[in-house]
Each structure stands twice: as structure tokens, then as C-alpha cells.
Amino acid sequence: MLNSSRPNLLRDRDFGRLIAATALGQLGDRVIFLALPLVAIAALHADEFQVGLLTAMTTAGSLLIGLPAGAWVDRVRKRSVMVSADLARALFLVTVPVAWWTSLLTMSWLYAVALAHGVLTVFFDVAYVSYLPHLVGRDNLWEGNAKLSTVRSRRPPCRPAGPPPSARRNGLVRAARDHHP
């Protein structure tokens, strides 16, 4: 736990790790919510219903295991749950390009990845909310929440010059579709 007299949480190593992990987790969330439907459309020629179902699978984890996950996470070490959930989410995301490269990618595969990512996100989020007060202490909770909310917000405070990331991503999807058999 941090000393309450510390002026800046970003100088704390553990809080810095949490910020970095949060940023990487947000990147994974963007892949799930934006790129996965694009992959379904471009690589598998998914229709509207399939894309809608895929989108629903990303949030179904909350409905399926929200309450039991909270009860379970309260009994274990929060940091371990967060690290395990993030690593597992990354592993599931990596299976998508691997399945595509090996011509094994199907809508069922994408549904499974979206659902698994959603379930793991529930575990991560429950642990995350419980871990922050322990990490920063009561006196720094407001500052910690403010900094983490900035990282977790949908729109970054500043965007680099050039085309938006979605334009670059759409170009990559289009190029991949045109060059894959």
C-alpha cells in the first residue's frame, strides 16, 4: 500500500504496472469490439446476424457469471486473478490470426473467442475494482481512480497526428482479405 504522503501515484512502481496493464487490456478490448467484427466480415463474409451475435458474445460473460465471479474473486488474491485473466485474454486473441493463417478460422471460433474474452473480462474487472483501494490506499483512491479512468476512457485525451487508427486497421483488413486465398 502506498504512503498517503506521496504526491504522485505515477511514481509508484506497482501503480505504474497497473496503469500499463490497464492500457494493454484496453487495447485488447478494442480489438475485440472493433477488429473482431471486421475480421468476421472481411475474412468470413459474415452477415448482419452473425456480426450481431458476435458482438453480443463479447458482453454475454457479464450475464452468465457476473455474480458468481464476484463471490469467487472475493476469496482469492486479486492481483493473481487480474494477471491470469489478462494473459488468458491475450492468448485467446492471438488464436484469431493463427487460426486465420492456418485456414481454421470460422464464425464458431470467433464466437468462442468473444465469449471467453467476455468471461475473463468479468473476472478481471471484479478483481480490478477490489484491488485498487488495496494498492493505493484510501487517501489516494480518488487520484488512482482518476488516472485509471483516463486510461480506460473510450477516447484518449490526445490522438497522434495522421489517419485515425480505424482507418489504418481497415486498410490492414482489406489488404489481408485481398491477399488470403
N, C-alpha and C. Protein backbone atom coordinates (compact mmCIF):
# COMPACT_ATOMS: atom_id res chain seq x y z
N MET A 1 0.84 -1.17 0.00
CA MET A 1 0.00 0.00 0.00
C MET A 1 0.88 1.23 0.00
N LEU A 2 0.46 2.25 -0.70
CA LEU A 2 1.23 3.47 -0.82
C LEU A 2 1.14 4.31 0.43
N ASN A 3 2.19 5.07 0.68
CA ASN A 3 2.19 6.05 1.74
C ASN A 3 1.29 7.21 1.31
N SER A 4 0.40 7.66 2.19
CA SER A 4 -0.56 8.69 1.81
C SER A 4 0.09 10.03 1.54
N SER A 5 1.35 10.21 1.91
CA SER A 5 2.00 11.50 1.68
C SER A 5 2.63 11.59 0.28
N ARG A 6 2.56 10.54 -0.50
CA ARG A 6 3.15 10.56 -1.85
C ARG A 6 2.37 11.51 -2.73
N PRO A 7 3.08 12.42 -3.42
CA PRO A 7 2.38 13.41 -4.24
C PRO A 7 1.87 12.87 -5.58
N ASN A 8 2.46 11.81 -6.10
CA ASN A 8 2.09 11.37 -7.44
C ASN A 8 2.12 9.85 -7.51
N LEU A 9 0.98 9.27 -7.83
CA LEU A 9 0.91 7.82 -7.92
C LEU A 9 1.72 7.25 -9.07
N LEU A 10 1.91 8.05 -10.12
CA LEU A 10 2.62 7.54 -11.29
C LEU A 10 4.08 7.20 -10.98
N ARG A 11 4.59 7.70 -9.88
CA ARG A 11 5.97 7.38 -9.50
C ARG A 11 6.07 6.05 -8.76
N ASP A 12 4.93 5.52 -8.36
CA ASP A 12 4.91 4.24 -7.66
C ASP A 12 5.00 3.11 -8.69
N ARG A 13 5.92 2.19 -8.46
CA ARG A 13 6.17 1.11 -9.42
C ARG A 13 4.95 0.21 -9.61
N ASP A 14 4.30 -0.18 -8.53
CA ASP A 14 3.15 -1.08 -8.65
C ASP A 14 1.97 -0.39 -9.34
N PHE A 15 1.75 0.87 -9.03
CA PHE A 15 0.67 1.59 -9.70
C PHE A 15 1.01 1.80 -11.17
N GLY A 16 2.27 2.06 -11.48
CA GLY A 16 2.70 2.18 -12.87
C GLY A 16 2.45 0.90 -13.65
N ARG A 17 2.70 -0.23 -13.01
CA ARG A 17 2.42 -1.52 -13.66
C ARG A 17 0.92 -1.68 -13.91
N LEU A 18 0.12 -1.25 -12.95
CA LEU A 18 -1.33 -1.35 -13.12
C LEU A 18 -1.80 -0.47 -14.28
N ILE A 19 -1.24 0.73 -14.38
CA ILE A 19 -1.58 1.63 -15.50
C ILE A 19 -1.19 0.98 -16.82
N ALA A 20 0.01 0.42 -16.90
CA ALA A 20 0.47 -0.21 -18.14
C ALA A 20 -0.41 -1.42 -18.50
N ALA A 21 -0.73 -2.24 -17.50
CA ALA A 21 -1.59 -3.40 -17.76
C ALA A 21 -2.99 -2.96 -18.18
N THR A 22 -3.47 -1.88 -17.61
CA THR A 22 -4.78 -1.35 -17.99
C THR A 22 -4.77 -0.89 -19.44
N ALA A 23 -3.71 -0.20 -19.83
CA ALA A 23 -3.61 0.28 -21.21
C ALA A 23 -3.57 -0.90 -22.19
N LEU A 24 -2.80 -1.93 -21.87
CA LEU A 24 -2.75 -3.11 -22.74
C LEU A 24 -4.09 -3.83 -22.78
N GLY A 25 -4.75 -3.91 -21.64
CA GLY A 25 -6.07 -4.52 -21.60
C GLY A 25 -7.08 -3.76 -22.45
N GLN A 26 -6.96 -2.43 -22.44
CA GLN A 26 -7.86 -1.62 -23.26
C GLN A 26 -7.61 -1.87 -24.75
N LEU A 27 -6.35 -2.07 -25.10
CA LEU A 27 -6.03 -2.40 -26.49
C LEU A 27 -6.71 -3.71 -26.89
N GLY A 28 -6.63 -4.70 -26.01
CA GLY A 28 -7.31 -5.97 -26.28
C GLY A 28 -8.81 -5.81 -26.41
N ASP A 29 -9.39 -4.96 -25.57
CA ASP A 29 -10.83 -4.70 -25.66
C ASP A 29 -11.19 -4.06 -26.99
N ARG A 30 -10.35 -3.15 -27.46
CA ARG A 30 -10.62 -2.51 -28.75
C ARG A 30 -10.54 -3.53 -29.89
N VAL A 31 -9.61 -4.45 -29.77
CA VAL A 31 -9.51 -5.50 -30.79
C VAL A 31 -10.80 -6.31 -30.82
N ILE A 32 -11.28 -6.69 -29.64
CA ILE A 32 -12.50 -7.49 -29.57
C ILE A 32 -13.69 -6.73 -30.13
N PHE A 33 -13.87 -5.49 -29.71
CA PHE A 33 -15.06 -4.75 -30.09
C PHE A 33 -15.02 -4.18 -31.51
N LEU A 34 -13.83 -3.91 -32.03
CA LEU A 34 -13.73 -3.30 -33.35
C LEU A 34 -13.20 -4.26 -34.42
N ALA A 35 -12.09 -4.90 -34.13
CA ALA A 35 -11.45 -5.72 -35.15
C ALA A 35 -12.11 -7.07 -35.35
N LEU A 36 -12.61 -7.67 -34.28
CA LEU A 36 -13.23 -8.99 -34.44
C LEU A 36 -14.41 -8.97 -35.41
N PRO A 37 -15.32 -8.00 -35.31
CA PRO A 37 -16.37 -7.93 -36.32
C PRO A 37 -15.84 -7.66 -37.73
N LEU A 38 -14.79 -6.85 -37.82
CA LEU A 38 -14.19 -6.59 -39.13
C LEU A 38 -13.58 -7.86 -39.72
N VAL A 39 -12.94 -8.66 -38.90
CA VAL A 39 -12.38 -9.93 -39.36
C VAL A 39 -13.52 -10.85 -39.81
N ALA A 40 -14.60 -10.87 -39.04
CA ALA A 40 -15.74 -11.72 -39.40
C ALA A 40 -16.30 -11.32 -40.77
N ILE A 41 -16.39 -10.02 -41.01
CA ILE A 41 -16.94 -9.53 -42.26
C ILE A 41 -15.96 -9.76 -43.41
N ALA A 42 -14.71 -9.36 -43.21
CA ALA A 42 -13.73 -9.40 -44.30
C ALA A 42 -13.26 -10.81 -44.62
N ALA A 43 -12.96 -11.60 -43.59
CA ALA A 43 -12.38 -12.92 -43.82
C ALA A 43 -13.42 -14.01 -43.97
N LEU A 44 -14.55 -13.88 -43.27
CA LEU A 44 -15.54 -14.95 -43.27
C LEU A 44 -16.86 -14.55 -43.93
N HIS A 45 -16.91 -13.33 -44.45
CA HIS A 45 -18.11 -12.82 -45.13
C HIS A 45 -19.36 -12.98 -44.27
N ALA A 46 -19.23 -12.60 -42.99
CA ALA A 46 -20.34 -12.71 -42.05
C ALA A 46 -21.46 -11.75 -42.42
N ASP A 47 -22.69 -12.19 -42.15
CA ASP A 47 -23.84 -11.32 -42.40
C ASP A 47 -24.16 -10.52 -41.13
N GLU A 48 -25.22 -9.71 -41.19
CA GLU A 48 -25.57 -8.83 -40.08
C GLU A 48 -25.90 -9.61 -38.81
N PHE A 49 -26.64 -10.70 -38.95
CA PHE A 49 -27.00 -11.50 -37.79
C PHE A 49 -25.76 -12.07 -37.12
N GLN A 50 -24.83 -12.60 -37.89
CA GLN A 50 -23.61 -13.19 -37.33
C GLN A 50 -22.77 -12.14 -36.62
N VAL A 51 -22.67 -10.95 -37.20
CA VAL A 51 -21.90 -9.89 -36.55
C VAL A 51 -22.60 -9.43 -35.27
N GLY A 52 -23.92 -9.36 -35.31
CA GLY A 52 -24.66 -9.01 -34.11
C GLY A 52 -24.48 -10.03 -33.01
N LEU A 53 -24.54 -11.30 -33.37
CA LEU A 53 -24.32 -12.37 -32.40
C LEU A 53 -22.90 -12.32 -31.84
N LEU A 54 -21.94 -12.05 -32.69
CA LEU A 54 -20.55 -11.93 -32.26
C LEU A 54 -20.40 -10.78 -31.25
N THR A 55 -21.03 -9.67 -31.54
CA THR A 55 -20.98 -8.53 -30.63
C THR A 55 -21.65 -8.87 -29.30
N ALA A 56 -22.77 -9.58 -29.36
CA ALA A 56 -23.46 -9.99 -28.13
C ALA A 56 -22.59 -10.94 -27.30
N MET A 57 -21.83 -11.79 -27.95
CA MET A 57 -20.98 -12.74 -27.23
C MET A 57 -19.91 -12.02 -26.41
N THR A 58 -19.49 -10.84 -26.85
CA THR A 58 -18.45 -10.12 -26.12
C THR A 58 -18.94 -9.64 -24.76
N THR A 59 -20.24 -9.43 -24.62
CA THR A 59 -20.77 -8.94 -23.35
C THR A 59 -21.58 -9.99 -22.60
N ALA A 60 -21.75 -11.16 -23.15
CA ALA A 60 -22.55 -12.20 -22.50
C ALA A 60 -21.93 -12.70 -21.20
N GLY A 61 -20.63 -12.56 -21.05
CA GLY A 61 -19.97 -13.02 -19.83
C GLY A 61 -20.53 -12.37 -18.59
N SER A 62 -20.89 -11.10 -18.68
CA SER A 62 -21.46 -10.41 -17.52
C SER A 62 -22.76 -11.05 -17.08
N LEU A 63 -23.58 -11.41 -18.03
CA LEU A 63 -24.86 -12.03 -17.70
C LEU A 63 -24.68 -13.45 -17.17
N LEU A 64 -23.72 -14.16 -17.74
CA LEU A 64 -23.55 -15.57 -17.39
C LEU A 64 -22.91 -15.80 -16.02
N ILE A 65 -21.88 -15.03 -15.70
CA ILE A 65 -21.13 -15.34 -14.48
C ILE A 65 -20.82 -14.13 -13.61
N GLY A 66 -21.49 -13.02 -13.83
CA GLY A 66 -21.20 -11.81 -13.07
C GLY A 66 -21.22 -12.00 -11.56
N LEU A 67 -22.31 -12.50 -11.02
CA LEU A 67 -22.42 -12.66 -9.56
C LEU A 67 -21.50 -13.76 -9.01
N PRO A 68 -21.47 -14.94 -9.60
CA PRO A 68 -20.54 -15.95 -9.07
C PRO A 68 -19.08 -15.52 -9.16
N ALA A 69 -18.73 -14.79 -10.20
CA ALA A 69 -17.35 -14.33 -10.34
C ALA A 69 -16.98 -13.40 -9.19
N GLY A 70 -17.89 -12.51 -8.83
CA GLY A 70 -17.63 -11.60 -7.72
C GLY A 70 -17.42 -12.33 -6.41
N ALA A 71 -18.25 -13.32 -6.15
CA ALA A 71 -18.11 -14.09 -4.91
C ALA A 71 -16.79 -14.86 -4.89
N TRP A 72 -16.40 -15.42 -6.03
CA TRP A 72 -15.16 -16.18 -6.09
C TRP A 72 -13.95 -15.27 -5.94
N VAL A 73 -13.95 -14.13 -6.63
CA VAL A 73 -12.81 -13.22 -6.59
C VAL A 73 -12.59 -12.66 -5.19
N ASP A 74 -13.65 -12.51 -4.42
CA ASP A 74 -13.51 -12.02 -3.04
C ASP A 74 -12.71 -12.97 -2.16
N ARG A 75 -12.56 -14.21 -2.57
CA ARG A 75 -11.88 -15.21 -1.75
C ARG A 75 -10.44 -15.49 -2.19
N VAL A 76 -9.98 -14.86 -3.25
CA VAL A 76 -8.64 -15.13 -3.76
C VAL A 76 -7.86 -13.82 -3.90
N ARG A 77 -6.56 -13.96 -4.25
CA ARG A 77 -5.72 -12.78 -4.43
C ARG A 77 -6.11 -12.08 -5.72
N LYS A 78 -6.45 -10.81 -5.61
CA LYS A 78 -6.95 -10.05 -6.75
C LYS A 78 -5.90 -9.89 -7.85
N ARG A 79 -4.68 -9.61 -7.46
CA ARG A 79 -3.62 -9.40 -8.46
C ARG A 79 -3.41 -10.65 -9.31
N SER A 80 -3.44 -11.81 -8.69
CA SER A 80 -3.28 -13.06 -9.44
C SER A 80 -4.41 -13.25 -10.44
N VAL A 81 -5.63 -12.92 -10.02
CA VAL A 81 -6.77 -13.04 -10.92
C VAL A 81 -6.60 -12.10 -12.11
N MET A 82 -6.17 -10.86 -11.84
CA MET A 82 -6.00 -9.88 -12.91
C MET A 82 -4.94 -10.31 -13.90
N VAL A 83 -3.80 -10.76 -13.40
CA VAL A 83 -2.71 -11.18 -14.28
C VAL A 83 -3.13 -12.40 -15.10
N SER A 84 -3.74 -13.37 -14.44
CA SER A 84 -4.17 -14.59 -15.15
C SER A 84 -5.22 -14.27 -16.21
N ALA A 85 -6.18 -13.42 -15.85
CA ALA A 85 -7.24 -13.07 -16.80
C ALA A 85 -6.66 -12.32 -18.00
N ASP A 86 -5.74 -11.39 -17.76
CA ASP A 86 -5.15 -10.65 -18.87
C ASP A 86 -4.34 -11.56 -19.78
N LEU A 87 -3.55 -12.45 -19.20
CA LEU A 87 -2.76 -13.37 -20.03
C LEU A 87 -3.66 -14.30 -20.84
N ALA A 88 -4.71 -14.79 -20.21
CA ALA A 88 -5.63 -15.67 -20.93
C ALA A 88 -6.37 -14.92 -22.03
N ARG A 89 -6.77 -13.67 -21.77
CA ARG A 89 -7.43 -12.88 -22.82
C ARG A 89 -6.50 -12.67 -23.99
N ALA A 90 -5.24 -12.36 -23.71
CA ALA A 90 -4.26 -12.17 -24.79
C ALA A 90 -4.08 -13.47 -25.58
N LEU A 91 -4.02 -14.58 -24.88
CA LEU A 91 -3.86 -15.87 -25.55
C LEU A 91 -5.04 -16.15 -26.48
N PHE A 92 -6.25 -15.89 -26.02
CA PHE A 92 -7.42 -16.10 -26.87
C PHE A 92 -7.38 -15.19 -28.10
N LEU A 93 -6.95 -13.95 -27.92
CA LEU A 93 -6.88 -13.03 -29.06
C LEU A 93 -5.85 -13.49 -30.08
N VAL A 94 -4.75 -14.03 -29.62
CA VAL A 94 -3.69 -14.49 -30.53
C VAL A 94 -4.16 -15.67 -31.37
N THR A 95 -5.13 -16.42 -30.88
CA THR A 95 -5.60 -17.57 -31.65
C THR A 95 -6.31 -17.16 -32.94
N VAL A 96 -6.82 -15.92 -32.99
CA VAL A 96 -7.56 -15.50 -34.18
C VAL A 96 -6.65 -15.41 -35.41
N PRO A 97 -5.53 -14.66 -35.35
CA PRO A 97 -4.68 -14.65 -36.55
C PRO A 97 -4.04 -16.00 -36.85
N VAL A 98 -3.75 -16.76 -35.80
CA VAL A 98 -3.17 -18.10 -36.03
C VAL A 98 -4.19 -18.98 -36.76
N ALA A 99 -5.44 -18.94 -36.33
CA ALA A 99 -6.49 -19.73 -37.00
C ALA A 99 -6.68 -19.25 -38.43
N TRP A 100 -6.59 -17.96 -38.65
CA TRP A 100 -6.74 -17.43 -40.00
C TRP A 100 -5.59 -17.90 -40.89
N TRP A 101 -4.35 -17.79 -40.37
CA TRP A 101 -3.19 -18.20 -41.17
C TRP A 101 -3.21 -19.69 -41.50
N THR A 102 -3.82 -20.48 -40.63
CA THR A 102 -3.87 -21.93 -40.88
C THR A 102 -5.18 -22.36 -41.52
N SER A 103 -5.98 -21.39 -41.95
CA SER A 103 -7.27 -21.62 -42.60
C SER A 103 -8.26 -22.40 -41.72
N LEU A 104 -8.16 -22.21 -40.42
CA LEU A 104 -9.08 -22.86 -39.48
C LEU A 104 -10.11 -21.88 -38.90
N LEU A 105 -10.02 -20.64 -39.27
CA LEU A 105 -10.90 -19.62 -38.69
C LEU A 105 -12.33 -19.80 -39.18
N THR A 106 -13.25 -19.86 -38.22
CA THR A 106 -14.68 -19.98 -38.51
C THR A 106 -15.44 -19.01 -37.62
N MET A 107 -16.71 -18.83 -37.90
CA MET A 107 -17.53 -17.99 -37.03
C MET A 107 -17.61 -18.60 -35.64
N SER A 108 -17.69 -19.91 -35.55
CA SER A 108 -17.73 -20.57 -34.24
C SER A 108 -16.48 -20.23 -33.43
N TRP A 109 -15.35 -20.19 -34.11
CA TRP A 109 -14.09 -19.84 -33.45
C TRP A 109 -14.17 -18.42 -32.90
N LEU A 110 -14.65 -17.50 -33.73
CA LEU A 110 -14.77 -16.11 -33.29
C LEU A 110 -15.77 -15.97 -32.13
N TYR A 111 -16.88 -16.72 -32.19
CA TYR A 111 -17.84 -16.69 -31.09
C TYR A 111 -17.19 -17.17 -29.79
N ALA A 112 -16.42 -18.24 -29.88
CA ALA A 112 -15.75 -18.78 -28.69
C ALA A 112 -14.75 -17.79 -28.12
N VAL A 113 -13.98 -17.16 -28.99
CA VAL A 113 -13.00 -16.17 -28.53
C VAL A 113 -13.72 -14.99 -27.88
N ALA A 114 -14.78 -14.51 -28.50
CA ALA A 114 -15.52 -13.37 -27.94
C ALA A 114 -16.13 -13.72 -26.58
N LEU A 115 -16.71 -14.90 -26.46
CA LEU A 115 -17.31 -15.30 -25.19
C LEU A 115 -16.24 -15.50 -24.12
N ALA A 116 -15.15 -16.18 -24.46
CA ALA A 116 -14.08 -16.39 -23.49
C ALA A 116 -13.49 -15.05 -23.03
N HIS A 117 -13.29 -14.15 -23.97
CA HIS A 117 -12.76 -12.83 -23.61
C HIS A 117 -13.73 -12.11 -22.69
N GLY A 118 -15.02 -12.20 -22.97
CA GLY A 118 -16.01 -11.56 -22.12
C GLY A 118 -16.05 -12.13 -20.72
N VAL A 119 -15.98 -13.44 -20.60
CA VAL A 119 -15.99 -14.09 -19.29
C VAL A 119 -14.74 -13.69 -18.50
N LEU A 120 -13.59 -13.74 -19.15
CA LEU A 120 -12.35 -13.36 -18.47
C LEU A 120 -12.35 -11.88 -18.09
N THR A 121 -12.98 -11.05 -18.89
CA THR A 121 -13.08 -9.63 -18.57
C THR A 121 -13.90 -9.42 -17.30
N VAL A 122 -14.93 -10.22 -17.09
CA VAL A 122 -15.71 -10.11 -15.85
C VAL A 122 -14.81 -10.38 -14.65
N PHE A 123 -14.03 -11.45 -14.71
CA PHE A 123 -13.13 -11.77 -13.60
C PHE A 123 -12.11 -10.65 -13.40
N PHE A 124 -11.54 -10.16 -14.49
CA PHE A 124 -10.56 -9.08 -14.38
C PHE A 124 -11.19 -7.84 -13.74
N ASP A 125 -12.34 -7.43 -14.24
CA ASP A 125 -12.96 -6.19 -13.76
C ASP A 125 -13.35 -6.27 -12.29
N VAL A 126 -13.85 -7.41 -11.86
CA VAL A 126 -14.21 -7.57 -10.45
C VAL A 126 -12.96 -7.47 -9.57
N ALA A 127 -11.90 -8.13 -9.98
CA ALA A 127 -10.66 -8.07 -9.22
C ALA A 127 -10.05 -6.67 -9.25
N TYR A 128 -10.15 -6.02 -10.38
CA TYR A 128 -9.58 -4.68 -10.58
C TYR A 128 -10.20 -3.68 -9.62
N VAL A 129 -11.50 -3.70 -9.52
CA VAL A 129 -12.21 -2.76 -8.65
C VAL A 129 -11.84 -3.00 -7.18
N SER A 130 -11.64 -4.25 -6.82
CA SER A 130 -11.30 -4.57 -5.43
C SER A 130 -9.82 -4.34 -5.13
N TYR A 131 -8.98 -4.40 -6.13
CA TYR A 131 -7.54 -4.29 -5.92
C TYR A 131 -7.07 -2.85 -5.76
N LEU A 132 -7.68 -1.93 -6.45
CA LEU A 132 -7.21 -0.54 -6.42
C LEU A 132 -7.16 0.05 -5.02
N PRO A 133 -8.19 -0.05 -4.19
CA PRO A 133 -8.09 0.52 -2.84
C PRO A 133 -6.95 -0.09 -2.02
N HIS A 134 -6.72 -1.37 -2.21
CA HIS A 134 -5.61 -2.03 -1.51
C HIS A 134 -4.26 -1.48 -2.00
N LEU A 135 -4.15 -1.24 -3.28
CA LEU A 135 -2.89 -0.80 -3.86
C LEU A 135 -2.55 0.64 -3.49
N VAL A 136 -3.49 1.55 -3.60
CA VAL A 136 -3.18 2.97 -3.42
C VAL A 136 -3.54 3.51 -2.05
N GLY A 137 -4.36 2.82 -1.30
CA GLY A 137 -4.77 3.32 0.00
C GLY A 137 -5.96 4.28 -0.14
N ARG A 138 -6.62 4.46 0.96
CA ARG A 138 -7.84 5.28 0.96
C ARG A 138 -7.56 6.74 0.59
N ASP A 139 -6.43 7.29 1.05
CA ASP A 139 -6.12 8.69 0.79
C ASP A 139 -5.83 8.98 -0.68
N ASN A 140 -5.37 8.00 -1.40
CA ASN A 140 -5.02 8.19 -2.82
C ASN A 140 -6.03 7.58 -3.78
N LEU A 141 -7.14 7.11 -3.26
CA LEU A 141 -8.11 6.42 -4.10
C LEU A 141 -8.69 7.32 -5.19
N TRP A 142 -8.98 8.56 -4.85
CA TRP A 142 -9.54 9.48 -5.84
C TRP A 142 -8.55 9.69 -6.98
N GLU A 143 -7.29 9.95 -6.65
CA GLU A 143 -6.27 10.15 -7.70
C GLU A 143 -6.07 8.88 -8.53
N GLY A 144 -6.04 7.73 -7.87
CA GLY A 144 -5.86 6.48 -8.59
C GLY A 144 -7.01 6.21 -9.55
N ASN A 145 -8.23 6.42 -9.08
CA ASN A 145 -9.39 6.24 -9.96
C ASN A 145 -9.36 7.22 -11.13
N ALA A 146 -8.97 8.45 -10.87
CA ALA A 146 -8.91 9.45 -11.95
C ALA A 146 -7.91 9.05 -13.02
N LYS A 147 -6.74 8.62 -12.61
CA LYS A 147 -5.71 8.24 -13.58
C LYS A 147 -6.11 6.98 -14.36
N LEU A 148 -6.66 6.02 -13.67
CA LEU A 148 -7.09 4.80 -14.35
C LEU A 148 -8.30 5.04 -15.25
N SER A 149 -9.18 5.93 -14.85
CA SER A 149 -10.33 6.25 -15.69
C SER A 149 -9.89 6.93 -16.98
N THR A 150 -8.84 7.73 -16.90
CA THR A 150 -8.31 8.35 -18.11
C THR A 150 -7.81 7.29 -19.09
N VAL A 151 -7.12 6.29 -18.56
CA VAL A 151 -6.61 5.22 -19.41
C VAL A 151 -7.75 4.37 -19.95
N ARG A 152 -8.77 4.13 -19.14
CA ARG A 152 -9.88 3.26 -19.53
C ARG A 152 -10.94 3.96 -20.37
N SER A 153 -10.84 5.28 -20.49
CA SER A 153 -11.86 6.00 -21.25
C SER A 153 -11.83 5.60 -22.71
N ARG A 154 -12.94 5.73 -23.36
CA ARG A 154 -13.05 5.31 -24.76
C ARG A 154 -12.23 6.20 -25.68
N ARG A 155 -12.10 7.43 -25.36
CA ARG A 155 -11.40 8.36 -26.24
C ARG A 155 -10.15 8.87 -25.53
N PRO A 156 -8.98 8.69 -26.11
CA PRO A 156 -7.76 9.16 -25.46
C PRO A 156 -7.74 10.68 -25.39
N PRO A 157 -7.06 11.25 -24.37
CA PRO A 157 -7.01 12.70 -24.23
C PRO A 157 -6.40 13.39 -25.46
N CYS A 158 -5.45 12.74 -26.10
CA CYS A 158 -4.90 13.30 -27.33
C CYS A 158 -4.63 12.15 -28.29
N ARG A 159 -4.79 12.42 -29.55
CA ARG A 159 -4.59 11.39 -30.56
C ARG A 159 -3.42 11.81 -31.43
N PRO A 160 -2.54 10.88 -31.79
CA PRO A 160 -1.42 11.24 -32.64
C PRO A 160 -1.89 11.72 -34.01
N ALA A 161 -1.03 12.49 -34.66
CA ALA A 161 -1.37 13.01 -35.99
C ALA A 161 -1.47 11.86 -36.98
N GLY A 162 -2.18 12.09 -38.04
CA GLY A 162 -2.33 11.08 -39.07
C GLY A 162 -3.73 10.52 -39.08
N PRO A 163 -3.94 9.54 -39.94
CA PRO A 163 -5.29 8.96 -40.03
C PRO A 163 -5.66 8.27 -38.72
N PRO A 164 -6.94 8.19 -38.41
CA PRO A 164 -7.35 7.50 -37.18
C PRO A 164 -6.96 6.04 -37.23
N PRO A 165 -6.77 5.42 -36.06
CA PRO A 165 -6.38 4.01 -36.03
C PRO A 165 -7.34 3.11 -36.81
N SER A 166 -8.62 3.44 -36.81
CA SER A 166 -9.58 2.60 -37.53
C SER A 166 -9.31 2.58 -39.03
N ALA A 167 -8.84 3.71 -39.56
CA ALA A 167 -8.52 3.75 -40.99
C ALA A 167 -7.34 2.84 -41.31
N ARG A 168 -6.32 2.88 -40.45
CA ARG A 168 -5.17 2.00 -40.66
C ARG A 168 -5.59 0.54 -40.51
N ARG A 169 -6.42 0.25 -39.51
CA ARG A 169 -6.87 -1.12 -39.27
C ARG A 169 -7.72 -1.60 -40.44
N ASN A 170 -8.63 -0.76 -40.92
CA ASN A 170 -9.47 -1.15 -42.05
C ASN A 170 -8.62 -1.44 -43.28
N GLY A 171 -7.58 -0.66 -43.47
CA GLY A 171 -6.67 -0.91 -44.58
C GLY A 171 -5.97 -2.24 -44.44
N LEU A 172 -5.59 -2.60 -43.20
CA LEU A 172 -4.94 -3.89 -42.98
C LEU A 172 -5.90 -5.05 -43.23
N VAL A 173 -7.14 -4.89 -42.78
CA VAL A 173 -8.13 -5.95 -43.00
C VAL A 173 -8.39 -6.12 -44.49
N ARG A 174 -8.52 -5.00 -45.20
CA ARG A 174 -8.76 -5.06 -46.64
C ARG A 174 -7.58 -5.72 -47.35
N ALA A 175 -6.36 -5.36 -46.95
CA ALA A 175 -5.17 -5.95 -47.57
C ALA A 175 -5.09 -7.44 -47.27
N ALA A 176 -5.42 -7.82 -46.03
CA ALA A 176 -5.39 -9.24 -45.68
C ALA A 176 -6.43 -10.02 -46.47
N ARG A 177 -7.62 -9.45 -46.60
CA ARG A 177 -8.68 -10.15 -47.35
C ARG A 177 -8.28 -10.33 -48.80
N ASP A 178 -7.65 -9.32 -49.39
CA ASP A 178 -7.29 -9.39 -50.79
C ASP A 178 -6.15 -10.38 -51.06
N HIS A 179 -5.30 -10.63 -50.04
CA HIS A 179 -4.16 -11.48 -50.25
C HIS A 179 -4.31 -12.88 -49.67
N HIS A 180 -5.40 -13.17 -48.99
CA HIS A 180 -5.60 -14.50 -48.42
C HIS A 180 -6.46 -15.32 -49.38
N PRO A 181 -6.07 -16.58 -49.59
CA PRO A 181 -6.84 -17.43 -50.53
C PRO A 181 -8.24 -17.69 -50.08
